Amino acid sequence: MRVLITAAGRHGTTLSIAQAIGESAVHALALLGERTDATVLPVGEACRLDGYDAVVIGSAVYNGRWLEPAWSLVERERAALARRPVWLFSSGLPGSRGRCWIEPAEPAGLRNATGAYEHRAFAGRLDWYRLDARERAQASELKLNLGEHRNWPEIRNWAYTIVSTLHAAETAIPPAA
């Protein structure tokens, strides 16, 4: 089974979540006795989906929206995504004013465009020193919480859920002769 995990981000946090999903998927499939190849790529390097049995696409959320490269991949590969299982994730930061900056404004549109099984939102990390001046000003204005917010057990458990779904589908339907 070949799984592509791809993510768009600006500072490495979202791609690190994708890498954790990929590592967990390989581990879980190995425990189930399945050979797998989980490829983790930045969205810009995920040119074609041919050859992959399932796809996980993620994006950082800025101003309530997925980043353009992730949306471009969804639009460009819409037909290929319709032919395979898809999961989506977003990463962002919890705000201190009671607003959540993780969930994109368009989750229904994303799910409709991809036919995804699920969309999951994960808290990310905000490293002040990796931000440019504009991002620092915005983080200050929004009173975003600095530091590490990623919940690694939650991320790994979600990867195990994906693997369980894929494994159940593989084993429930006998291969065509």
N, C-alpha and C. Protein backbone atom coordinates (compact mmCIF):
# COMPACT_ATOMS: atom_id res chain seq x y z
N MET A 1 0.84 -1.16 0.00
CA MET A 1 0.00 0.00 0.00
C MET A 1 0.89 1.23 0.00
N ARG A 2 0.61 2.14 -0.88
CA ARG A 2 1.38 3.39 -0.97
C ARG A 2 0.50 4.55 -0.52
N VAL A 3 1.00 5.29 0.46
CA VAL A 3 0.26 6.41 1.01
C VAL A 3 1.09 7.67 0.84
N LEU A 4 0.47 8.72 0.34
CA LEU A 4 1.12 10.03 0.23
C LEU A 4 0.59 10.91 1.34
N ILE A 5 1.50 11.50 2.10
CA ILE A 5 1.15 12.49 3.11
C ILE A 5 1.86 13.77 2.68
N THR A 6 1.09 14.81 2.42
CA THR A 6 1.66 16.05 1.91
C THR A 6 1.06 17.23 2.67
N ALA A 7 1.87 18.27 2.83
CA ALA A 7 1.41 19.41 3.62
C ALA A 7 2.02 20.71 3.13
N ALA A 8 1.25 21.78 3.29
CA ALA A 8 1.71 23.13 2.97
C ALA A 8 1.85 23.91 4.27
N GLY A 9 2.96 24.58 4.42
CA GLY A 9 3.18 25.39 5.61
C GLY A 9 4.23 26.45 5.32
N ARG A 10 4.51 27.26 6.31
CA ARG A 10 5.50 28.32 6.12
C ARG A 10 6.74 28.14 6.99
N HIS A 11 6.59 27.48 8.13
CA HIS A 11 7.70 27.44 9.09
C HIS A 11 8.07 26.03 9.55
N GLY A 12 7.55 25.00 8.89
CA GLY A 12 7.94 23.63 9.20
C GLY A 12 7.04 22.88 10.16
N THR A 13 6.16 23.57 10.85
CA THR A 13 5.30 22.92 11.84
C THR A 13 4.34 21.94 11.18
N THR A 14 3.69 22.34 10.11
CA THR A 14 2.69 21.49 9.45
C THR A 14 3.36 20.29 8.81
N LEU A 15 4.52 20.49 8.21
CA LEU A 15 5.24 19.36 7.61
C LEU A 15 5.70 18.39 8.70
N SER A 16 6.05 18.88 9.88
CA SER A 16 6.44 17.96 10.96
C SER A 16 5.24 17.12 11.41
N ILE A 17 4.06 17.68 11.36
CA ILE A 17 2.85 16.90 11.66
C ILE A 17 2.67 15.83 10.59
N ALA A 18 2.86 16.20 9.32
CA ALA A 18 2.76 15.22 8.23
C ALA A 18 3.78 14.10 8.41
N GLN A 19 4.99 14.44 8.83
CA GLN A 19 6.01 13.42 9.04
C GLN A 19 5.61 12.47 10.17
N ALA A 20 5.03 12.99 11.23
CA ALA A 20 4.58 12.14 12.33
C ALA A 20 3.45 11.22 11.87
N ILE A 21 2.57 11.73 11.04
CA ILE A 21 1.49 10.90 10.48
C ILE A 21 2.10 9.78 9.63
N GLY A 22 3.07 10.12 8.80
CA GLY A 22 3.72 9.12 7.95
C GLY A 22 4.42 8.04 8.75
N GLU A 23 5.20 8.44 9.75
CA GLU A 23 5.91 7.47 10.59
C GLU A 23 4.93 6.57 11.33
N SER A 24 3.87 7.13 11.85
CA SER A 24 2.88 6.35 12.58
C SER A 24 2.15 5.40 11.65
N ALA A 25 1.86 5.84 10.43
CA ALA A 25 1.18 4.97 9.47
C ALA A 25 2.05 3.78 9.11
N VAL A 26 3.31 4.01 8.85
CA VAL A 26 4.23 2.90 8.53
C VAL A 26 4.29 1.92 9.69
N HIS A 27 4.42 2.42 10.89
CA HIS A 27 4.50 1.57 12.08
C HIS A 27 3.22 0.74 12.24
N ALA A 28 2.08 1.38 12.13
CA ALA A 28 0.81 0.68 12.32
C ALA A 28 0.58 -0.36 11.24
N LEU A 29 0.89 -0.05 9.99
CA LEU A 29 0.70 -1.01 8.92
C LEU A 29 1.65 -2.19 9.08
N ALA A 30 2.85 -1.94 9.56
CA ALA A 30 3.80 -3.04 9.80
C ALA A 30 3.26 -3.97 10.88
N LEU A 31 2.66 -3.41 11.91
CA LEU A 31 2.07 -4.24 12.97
C LEU A 31 0.93 -5.09 12.43
N LEU A 32 0.25 -4.59 11.40
CA LEU A 32 -0.84 -5.35 10.79
C LEU A 32 -0.33 -6.33 9.73
N GLY A 33 0.99 -6.35 9.53
CA GLY A 33 1.57 -7.26 8.56
C GLY A 33 1.47 -6.80 7.13
N GLU A 34 1.22 -5.53 6.94
CA GLU A 34 1.12 -4.98 5.58
C GLU A 34 2.39 -4.23 5.22
N ARG A 35 2.83 -4.46 4.01
CA ARG A 35 3.96 -3.68 3.50
C ARG A 35 3.41 -2.36 3.02
N THR A 36 4.12 -1.32 3.36
CA THR A 36 3.64 -0.01 2.97
C THR A 36 4.80 0.91 2.62
N ASP A 37 4.46 1.89 1.87
CA ASP A 37 5.39 2.96 1.54
C ASP A 37 4.65 4.26 1.80
N ALA A 38 5.02 4.94 2.85
CA ALA A 38 4.41 6.23 3.16
C ALA A 38 5.40 7.30 2.76
N THR A 39 5.02 8.10 1.81
CA THR A 39 5.86 9.19 1.31
C THR A 39 5.36 10.49 1.90
N VAL A 40 6.25 11.26 2.52
CA VAL A 40 5.90 12.57 3.06
C VAL A 40 6.61 13.62 2.23
N LEU A 41 5.81 14.53 1.66
CA LEU A 41 6.37 15.58 0.80
C LEU A 41 5.71 16.92 1.09
N PRO A 42 6.46 18.01 0.93
CA PRO A 42 5.81 19.31 0.91
C PRO A 42 4.86 19.35 -0.29
N VAL A 43 3.77 20.07 -0.17
CA VAL A 43 2.77 20.12 -1.24
C VAL A 43 3.39 20.48 -2.59
N GLY A 44 4.34 21.38 -2.60
CA GLY A 44 4.96 21.80 -3.85
C GLY A 44 5.70 20.69 -4.57
N GLU A 45 6.07 19.63 -3.87
CA GLU A 45 6.77 18.51 -4.49
C GLU A 45 5.84 17.35 -4.83
N ALA A 46 4.59 17.44 -4.44
CA ALA A 46 3.61 16.38 -4.73
C ALA A 46 2.96 16.69 -6.08
N CYS A 47 3.67 16.30 -7.14
CA CYS A 47 3.23 16.65 -8.49
C CYS A 47 2.04 15.83 -8.97
N ARG A 48 2.10 14.53 -8.81
CA ARG A 48 1.05 13.64 -9.30
C ARG A 48 0.67 12.67 -8.19
N LEU A 49 -0.57 12.21 -8.22
CA LEU A 49 -1.04 11.26 -7.22
C LEU A 49 -1.07 9.83 -7.75
N ASP A 50 -0.75 9.67 -9.03
CA ASP A 50 -0.72 8.33 -9.60
C ASP A 50 0.25 7.46 -8.81
N GLY A 51 -0.15 6.22 -8.58
CA GLY A 51 0.71 5.30 -7.86
C GLY A 51 0.48 5.28 -6.36
N TYR A 52 -0.33 6.18 -5.85
CA TYR A 52 -0.65 6.19 -4.43
C TYR A 52 -2.04 5.61 -4.22
N ASP A 53 -2.17 4.79 -3.18
CA ASP A 53 -3.45 4.17 -2.86
C ASP A 53 -4.33 5.05 -1.97
N ALA A 54 -3.71 5.95 -1.22
CA ALA A 54 -4.44 6.85 -0.33
C ALA A 54 -3.62 8.14 -0.18
N VAL A 55 -4.31 9.22 0.17
CA VAL A 55 -3.66 10.52 0.27
C VAL A 55 -4.13 11.24 1.53
N VAL A 56 -3.17 11.85 2.23
CA VAL A 56 -3.46 12.73 3.37
C VAL A 56 -2.89 14.09 2.99
N ILE A 57 -3.74 15.12 3.01
CA ILE A 57 -3.30 16.47 2.63
C ILE A 57 -3.53 17.40 3.82
N GLY A 58 -2.51 18.20 4.12
CA GLY A 58 -2.63 19.14 5.22
C GLY A 58 -2.17 20.53 4.82
N SER A 59 -2.60 21.49 5.60
CA SER A 59 -2.16 22.86 5.37
C SER A 59 -2.19 23.63 6.68
N ALA A 60 -1.25 24.55 6.79
CA ALA A 60 -1.33 25.54 7.87
C ALA A 60 -2.51 26.45 7.55
N VAL A 61 -3.11 26.99 8.59
CA VAL A 61 -4.23 27.91 8.41
C VAL A 61 -3.76 29.31 8.77
N TYR A 62 -3.88 30.21 7.82
CA TYR A 62 -3.55 31.62 8.03
C TYR A 62 -4.77 32.44 7.66
N ASN A 63 -5.16 33.33 8.55
CA ASN A 63 -6.33 34.16 8.33
C ASN A 63 -7.57 33.33 8.00
N GLY A 64 -7.67 32.18 8.64
CA GLY A 64 -8.84 31.33 8.47
C GLY A 64 -8.87 30.54 7.17
N ARG A 65 -7.75 30.46 6.45
CA ARG A 65 -7.75 29.78 5.15
C ARG A 65 -6.54 28.87 5.01
N TRP A 66 -6.75 27.81 4.23
CA TRP A 66 -5.63 26.95 3.83
C TRP A 66 -4.71 27.76 2.93
N LEU A 67 -3.44 27.39 2.89
CA LEU A 67 -2.48 28.06 2.01
C LEU A 67 -2.76 27.71 0.56
N GLU A 68 -2.46 28.64 -0.32
CA GLU A 68 -2.74 28.47 -1.76
C GLU A 68 -2.13 27.21 -2.37
N PRO A 69 -0.88 26.83 -2.05
CA PRO A 69 -0.34 25.61 -2.66
C PRO A 69 -1.17 24.36 -2.35
N ALA A 70 -1.75 24.28 -1.16
CA ALA A 70 -2.58 23.12 -0.81
C ALA A 70 -3.87 23.14 -1.62
N TRP A 71 -4.50 24.31 -1.71
CA TRP A 71 -5.72 24.43 -2.52
C TRP A 71 -5.43 24.12 -3.99
N SER A 72 -4.28 24.56 -4.48
CA SER A 72 -3.92 24.29 -5.88
C SER A 72 -3.79 22.80 -6.13
N LEU A 73 -3.18 22.07 -5.19
CA LEU A 73 -3.07 20.62 -5.33
C LEU A 73 -4.46 19.98 -5.37
N VAL A 74 -5.34 20.40 -4.49
CA VAL A 74 -6.71 19.86 -4.46
C VAL A 74 -7.41 20.11 -5.78
N GLU A 75 -7.32 21.32 -6.28
CA GLU A 75 -7.98 21.67 -7.55
C GLU A 75 -7.38 20.90 -8.73
N ARG A 76 -6.06 20.86 -8.78
CA ARG A 76 -5.38 20.21 -9.90
C ARG A 76 -5.61 18.70 -9.93
N GLU A 77 -5.67 18.08 -8.77
CA GLU A 77 -5.77 16.62 -8.67
C GLU A 77 -7.16 16.14 -8.24
N ARG A 78 -8.16 16.97 -8.45
CA ARG A 78 -9.54 16.65 -8.02
C ARG A 78 -9.99 15.28 -8.52
N ALA A 79 -9.77 14.97 -9.78
CA ALA A 79 -10.20 13.68 -10.34
C ALA A 79 -9.44 12.52 -9.69
N ALA A 80 -8.15 12.67 -9.50
CA ALA A 80 -7.36 11.61 -8.88
C ALA A 80 -7.77 11.41 -7.42
N LEU A 81 -8.08 12.49 -6.72
CA LEU A 81 -8.51 12.39 -5.33
C LEU A 81 -9.85 11.65 -5.22
N ALA A 82 -10.70 11.82 -6.21
CA ALA A 82 -12.02 11.16 -6.19
C ALA A 82 -11.90 9.65 -6.30
N ARG A 83 -10.77 9.15 -6.77
CA ARG A 83 -10.59 7.71 -6.98
C ARG A 83 -9.85 7.01 -5.84
N ARG A 84 -9.55 7.70 -4.79
CA ARG A 84 -8.80 7.07 -3.69
C ARG A 84 -9.23 7.67 -2.36
N PRO A 85 -8.97 6.94 -1.27
CA PRO A 85 -9.30 7.48 0.05
C PRO A 85 -8.45 8.70 0.37
N VAL A 86 -9.08 9.72 0.95
CA VAL A 86 -8.42 10.98 1.26
C VAL A 86 -8.78 11.41 2.68
N TRP A 87 -7.79 11.93 3.38
CA TRP A 87 -7.98 12.56 4.68
C TRP A 87 -7.33 13.93 4.62
N LEU A 88 -7.88 14.87 5.37
CA LEU A 88 -7.38 16.25 5.39
C LEU A 88 -7.05 16.67 6.82
N PHE A 89 -6.03 17.50 6.96
CA PHE A 89 -5.76 18.09 8.28
C PHE A 89 -5.30 19.53 8.12
N SER A 90 -5.56 20.30 9.16
CA SER A 90 -5.13 21.69 9.24
C SER A 90 -4.33 21.87 10.51
N SER A 91 -3.41 22.82 10.48
CA SER A 91 -2.69 23.16 11.70
C SER A 91 -2.69 24.67 11.86
N GLY A 92 -2.77 25.08 13.09
CA GLY A 92 -2.79 26.50 13.39
C GLY A 92 -2.66 26.69 14.88
N LEU A 93 -3.05 27.85 15.36
CA LEU A 93 -2.86 28.17 16.77
C LEU A 93 -4.16 28.54 17.44
N PRO A 94 -4.30 28.11 18.69
CA PRO A 94 -5.44 28.58 19.47
C PRO A 94 -5.21 30.04 19.84
N GLY A 95 -6.22 30.88 19.70
CA GLY A 95 -6.10 32.29 20.05
C GLY A 95 -6.50 32.53 21.49
N SER A 96 -6.09 33.64 22.03
CA SER A 96 -6.39 33.93 23.43
C SER A 96 -7.69 34.71 23.59
N ARG A 97 -8.33 35.09 22.50
CA ARG A 97 -9.58 35.85 22.58
C ARG A 97 -10.80 34.95 22.39
N GLY A 98 -10.63 33.67 22.66
CA GLY A 98 -11.76 32.76 22.53
C GLY A 98 -12.01 32.30 21.11
N ARG A 99 -11.19 32.74 20.17
CA ARG A 99 -11.35 32.32 18.78
C ARG A 99 -10.33 31.25 18.47
N CYS A 100 -10.74 30.31 17.65
CA CYS A 100 -9.84 29.24 17.24
C CYS A 100 -9.28 29.58 15.87
N TRP A 101 -7.98 29.59 15.75
CA TRP A 101 -7.33 29.92 14.49
C TRP A 101 -6.89 28.66 13.74
N ILE A 102 -7.33 27.50 14.21
CA ILE A 102 -6.93 26.24 13.60
C ILE A 102 -7.88 25.85 12.48
N GLU A 103 -9.16 25.91 12.74
CA GLU A 103 -10.16 25.41 11.81
C GLU A 103 -10.30 26.38 10.63
N PRO A 104 -10.10 25.89 9.41
CA PRO A 104 -10.24 26.80 8.26
C PRO A 104 -11.70 27.17 8.05
N ALA A 105 -11.91 28.30 7.41
CA ALA A 105 -13.26 28.78 7.15
C ALA A 105 -13.99 27.91 6.13
N GLU A 106 -13.25 27.10 5.38
CA GLU A 106 -13.85 26.36 4.27
C GLU A 106 -13.80 24.84 4.40
N PRO A 107 -13.99 24.23 5.60
CA PRO A 107 -13.86 22.77 5.69
C PRO A 107 -14.85 22.02 4.83
N ALA A 108 -16.07 22.51 4.69
CA ALA A 108 -17.06 21.82 3.85
C ALA A 108 -16.61 21.85 2.40
N GLY A 109 -16.08 22.96 1.96
CA GLY A 109 -15.59 23.06 0.58
C GLY A 109 -14.43 22.12 0.33
N LEU A 110 -13.55 22.00 1.31
CA LEU A 110 -12.41 21.08 1.19
C LEU A 110 -12.90 19.63 1.10
N ARG A 111 -13.81 19.28 1.97
CA ARG A 111 -14.32 17.90 1.96
C ARG A 111 -15.08 17.61 0.67
N ASN A 112 -15.86 18.57 0.20
CA ASN A 112 -16.58 18.36 -1.07
C ASN A 112 -15.62 18.23 -2.24
N ALA A 113 -14.56 19.01 -2.25
CA ALA A 113 -13.61 18.99 -3.36
C ALA A 113 -12.79 17.71 -3.39
N THR A 114 -12.62 17.06 -2.25
CA THR A 114 -11.75 15.89 -2.18
C THR A 114 -12.48 14.58 -1.90
N GLY A 115 -13.71 14.67 -1.43
CA GLY A 115 -14.41 13.47 -1.00
C GLY A 115 -13.77 12.85 0.23
N ALA A 116 -13.13 13.68 1.05
CA ALA A 116 -12.36 13.20 2.20
C ALA A 116 -13.23 12.49 3.22
N TYR A 117 -12.64 11.48 3.83
CA TYR A 117 -13.28 10.78 4.93
C TYR A 117 -13.46 11.71 6.12
N GLU A 118 -12.43 12.52 6.36
CA GLU A 118 -12.43 13.34 7.56
C GLU A 118 -11.49 14.52 7.39
N HIS A 119 -11.80 15.60 8.10
CA HIS A 119 -10.89 16.73 8.24
C HIS A 119 -10.60 16.87 9.73
N ARG A 120 -9.32 16.96 10.08
CA ARG A 120 -8.93 17.09 11.49
C ARG A 120 -8.09 18.36 11.64
N ALA A 121 -8.34 19.11 12.71
CA ALA A 121 -7.57 20.31 13.00
C ALA A 121 -6.64 20.04 14.18
N PHE A 122 -5.36 20.37 14.02
CA PHE A 122 -4.36 20.17 15.07
C PHE A 122 -3.74 21.52 15.43
N ALA A 123 -3.49 21.69 16.71
CA ALA A 123 -2.76 22.87 17.16
C ALA A 123 -1.31 22.73 16.71
N GLY A 124 -0.69 23.85 16.40
CA GLY A 124 0.68 23.84 15.91
C GLY A 124 1.67 24.41 16.91
N ARG A 125 2.62 25.15 16.38
CA ARG A 125 3.68 25.75 17.19
C ARG A 125 3.90 27.17 16.68
N LEU A 126 4.13 28.08 17.59
CA LEU A 126 4.43 29.46 17.20
C LEU A 126 5.78 29.84 17.78
N ASP A 127 6.77 29.93 16.90
CA ASP A 127 8.13 30.30 17.28
C ASP A 127 8.36 31.74 16.81
N TRP A 128 8.40 32.64 17.76
CA TRP A 128 8.52 34.07 17.48
C TRP A 128 9.67 34.38 16.53
N TYR A 129 10.78 33.67 16.68
CA TYR A 129 11.98 33.98 15.91
C TYR A 129 11.92 33.49 14.47
N ARG A 130 10.95 32.65 14.14
CA ARG A 130 10.79 32.20 12.76
C ARG A 130 9.83 33.09 11.97
N LEU A 131 9.15 34.00 12.65
CA LEU A 131 8.17 34.85 12.00
C LEU A 131 8.83 36.06 11.38
N ASP A 132 8.25 36.51 10.26
CA ASP A 132 8.73 37.77 9.70
C ASP A 132 8.03 38.92 10.43
N ALA A 133 8.38 40.14 10.11
CA ALA A 133 7.86 41.30 10.84
C ALA A 133 6.34 41.39 10.76
N ARG A 134 5.77 41.12 9.59
CA ARG A 134 4.32 41.17 9.40
C ARG A 134 3.63 40.11 10.26
N GLU A 135 4.20 38.91 10.27
CA GLU A 135 3.61 37.82 11.06
C GLU A 135 3.71 38.10 12.56
N ARG A 136 4.81 38.71 12.99
CA ARG A 136 4.96 39.07 14.41
C ARG A 136 3.91 40.10 14.82
N ALA A 137 3.70 41.09 13.95
CA ALA A 137 2.70 42.11 14.25
C ALA A 137 1.31 41.49 14.34
N GLN A 138 1.01 40.60 13.43
CA GLN A 138 -0.29 39.94 13.44
C GLN A 138 -0.45 39.06 14.68
N ALA A 139 0.60 38.30 15.03
CA ALA A 139 0.54 37.44 16.22
C ALA A 139 0.33 38.28 17.48
N SER A 140 0.97 39.42 17.55
CA SER A 140 0.80 40.31 18.71
C SER A 140 -0.62 40.86 18.76
N GLU A 141 -1.11 41.32 17.62
CA GLU A 141 -2.45 41.89 17.55
C GLU A 141 -3.52 40.86 17.94
N LEU A 142 -3.35 39.64 17.48
CA LEU A 142 -4.33 38.59 17.77
C LEU A 142 -4.10 37.92 19.12
N LYS A 143 -3.01 38.29 19.78
CA LYS A 143 -2.65 37.71 21.08
C LYS A 143 -2.55 36.18 20.99
N LEU A 144 -1.86 35.72 19.96
CA LEU A 144 -1.67 34.28 19.77
C LEU A 144 -0.70 33.75 20.82
N ASN A 145 -0.92 32.53 21.21
CA ASN A 145 -0.09 31.90 22.24
C ASN A 145 1.21 31.38 21.65
N LEU A 146 2.33 31.92 22.12
CA LEU A 146 3.63 31.45 21.67
C LEU A 146 3.90 30.05 22.21
N GLY A 147 4.76 29.33 21.51
CA GLY A 147 5.23 28.05 22.02
C GLY A 147 4.68 26.85 21.29
N GLU A 148 4.93 25.71 21.89
CA GLU A 148 4.57 24.41 21.34
C GLU A 148 3.15 24.03 21.76
N HIS A 149 2.30 23.73 20.79
CA HIS A 149 0.92 23.34 21.08
C HIS A 149 0.56 22.00 20.44
N ARG A 150 1.50 21.41 19.69
CA ARG A 150 1.20 20.14 19.01
C ARG A 150 0.97 19.04 20.04
N ASN A 151 -0.07 18.26 19.81
CA ASN A 151 -0.41 17.14 20.67
C ASN A 151 -0.02 15.87 19.92
N TRP A 152 1.20 15.40 20.15
CA TRP A 152 1.74 14.27 19.38
C TRP A 152 0.92 13.00 19.55
N PRO A 153 0.46 12.65 20.76
CA PRO A 153 -0.38 11.44 20.86
C PRO A 153 -1.66 11.55 20.02
N GLU A 154 -2.28 12.72 20.00
CA GLU A 154 -3.49 12.92 19.19
C GLU A 154 -3.18 12.74 17.70
N ILE A 155 -2.06 13.27 17.27
CA ILE A 155 -1.66 13.15 15.86
C ILE A 155 -1.39 11.70 15.51
N ARG A 156 -0.65 10.99 16.34
CA ARG A 156 -0.36 9.57 16.09
C ARG A 156 -1.64 8.73 16.10
N ASN A 157 -2.53 9.01 17.04
CA ASN A 157 -3.78 8.25 17.10
C ASN A 157 -4.63 8.46 15.85
N TRP A 158 -4.60 9.67 15.31
CA TRP A 158 -5.34 9.92 14.07
C TRP A 158 -4.74 9.11 12.93
N ALA A 159 -3.42 9.04 12.87
CA ALA A 159 -2.76 8.22 11.84
C ALA A 159 -3.17 6.76 11.99
N TYR A 160 -3.27 6.27 13.22
CA TYR A 160 -3.70 4.88 13.45
C TYR A 160 -5.14 4.67 12.99
N THR A 161 -5.98 5.68 13.15
CA THR A 161 -7.36 5.59 12.67
C THR A 161 -7.39 5.48 11.15
N ILE A 162 -6.57 6.27 10.49
CA ILE A 162 -6.48 6.20 9.03
C ILE A 162 -6.05 4.80 8.60
N VAL A 163 -5.02 4.28 9.24
CA VAL A 163 -4.51 2.95 8.91
C VAL A 163 -5.57 1.88 9.15
N SER A 164 -6.29 1.99 10.25
CA SER A 164 -7.35 1.01 10.54
C SER A 164 -8.41 1.02 9.45
N THR A 165 -8.77 2.19 8.98
CA THR A 165 -9.75 2.31 7.91
C THR A 165 -9.23 1.69 6.63
N LEU A 166 -7.99 2.00 6.28
CA LEU A 166 -7.39 1.43 5.06
C LEU A 166 -7.26 -0.08 5.15
N HIS A 167 -6.82 -0.57 6.29
CA HIS A 167 -6.64 -2.01 6.49
C HIS A 167 -7.98 -2.73 6.41
N ALA A 168 -9.00 -2.18 7.03
CA ALA A 168 -10.32 -2.80 7.00
C ALA A 168 -10.84 -2.88 5.56
N ALA A 169 -10.63 -1.81 4.79
CA ALA A 169 -11.08 -1.81 3.39
C ALA A 169 -10.31 -2.84 2.57
N GLU A 170 -9.01 -2.96 2.82
CA GLU A 170 -8.18 -3.93 2.07
C GLU A 170 -8.57 -5.36 2.38
N THR A 171 -8.82 -5.64 3.63
CA THR A 171 -9.08 -7.02 4.03
C THR A 171 -10.53 -7.43 3.85
N ALA A 172 -11.44 -6.48 3.75
CA ALA A 172 -12.86 -6.81 3.60
C ALA A 172 -13.22 -7.21 2.18
N ILE A 173 -12.48 -6.71 1.23
CA ILE A 173 -12.78 -6.97 -0.18
C ILE A 173 -11.68 -7.86 -0.75
N PRO A 174 -12.04 -9.07 -1.17
CA PRO A 174 -10.99 -9.92 -1.75
C PRO A 174 -10.46 -9.31 -3.04
N PRO A 175 -9.15 -9.47 -3.28
CA PRO A 175 -8.58 -8.91 -4.51
C PRO A 175 -9.18 -9.55 -5.75
N ALA A 176 -9.30 -8.74 -6.80
CA ALA A 176 -9.85 -9.22 -8.08
C ALA A 176 -8.87 -10.25 -8.67
N ALA A 177 -9.45 -11.28 -9.26
CA ALA A 177 -8.61 -12.34 -9.86
C ALA A 177 -8.03 -11.92 -11.17
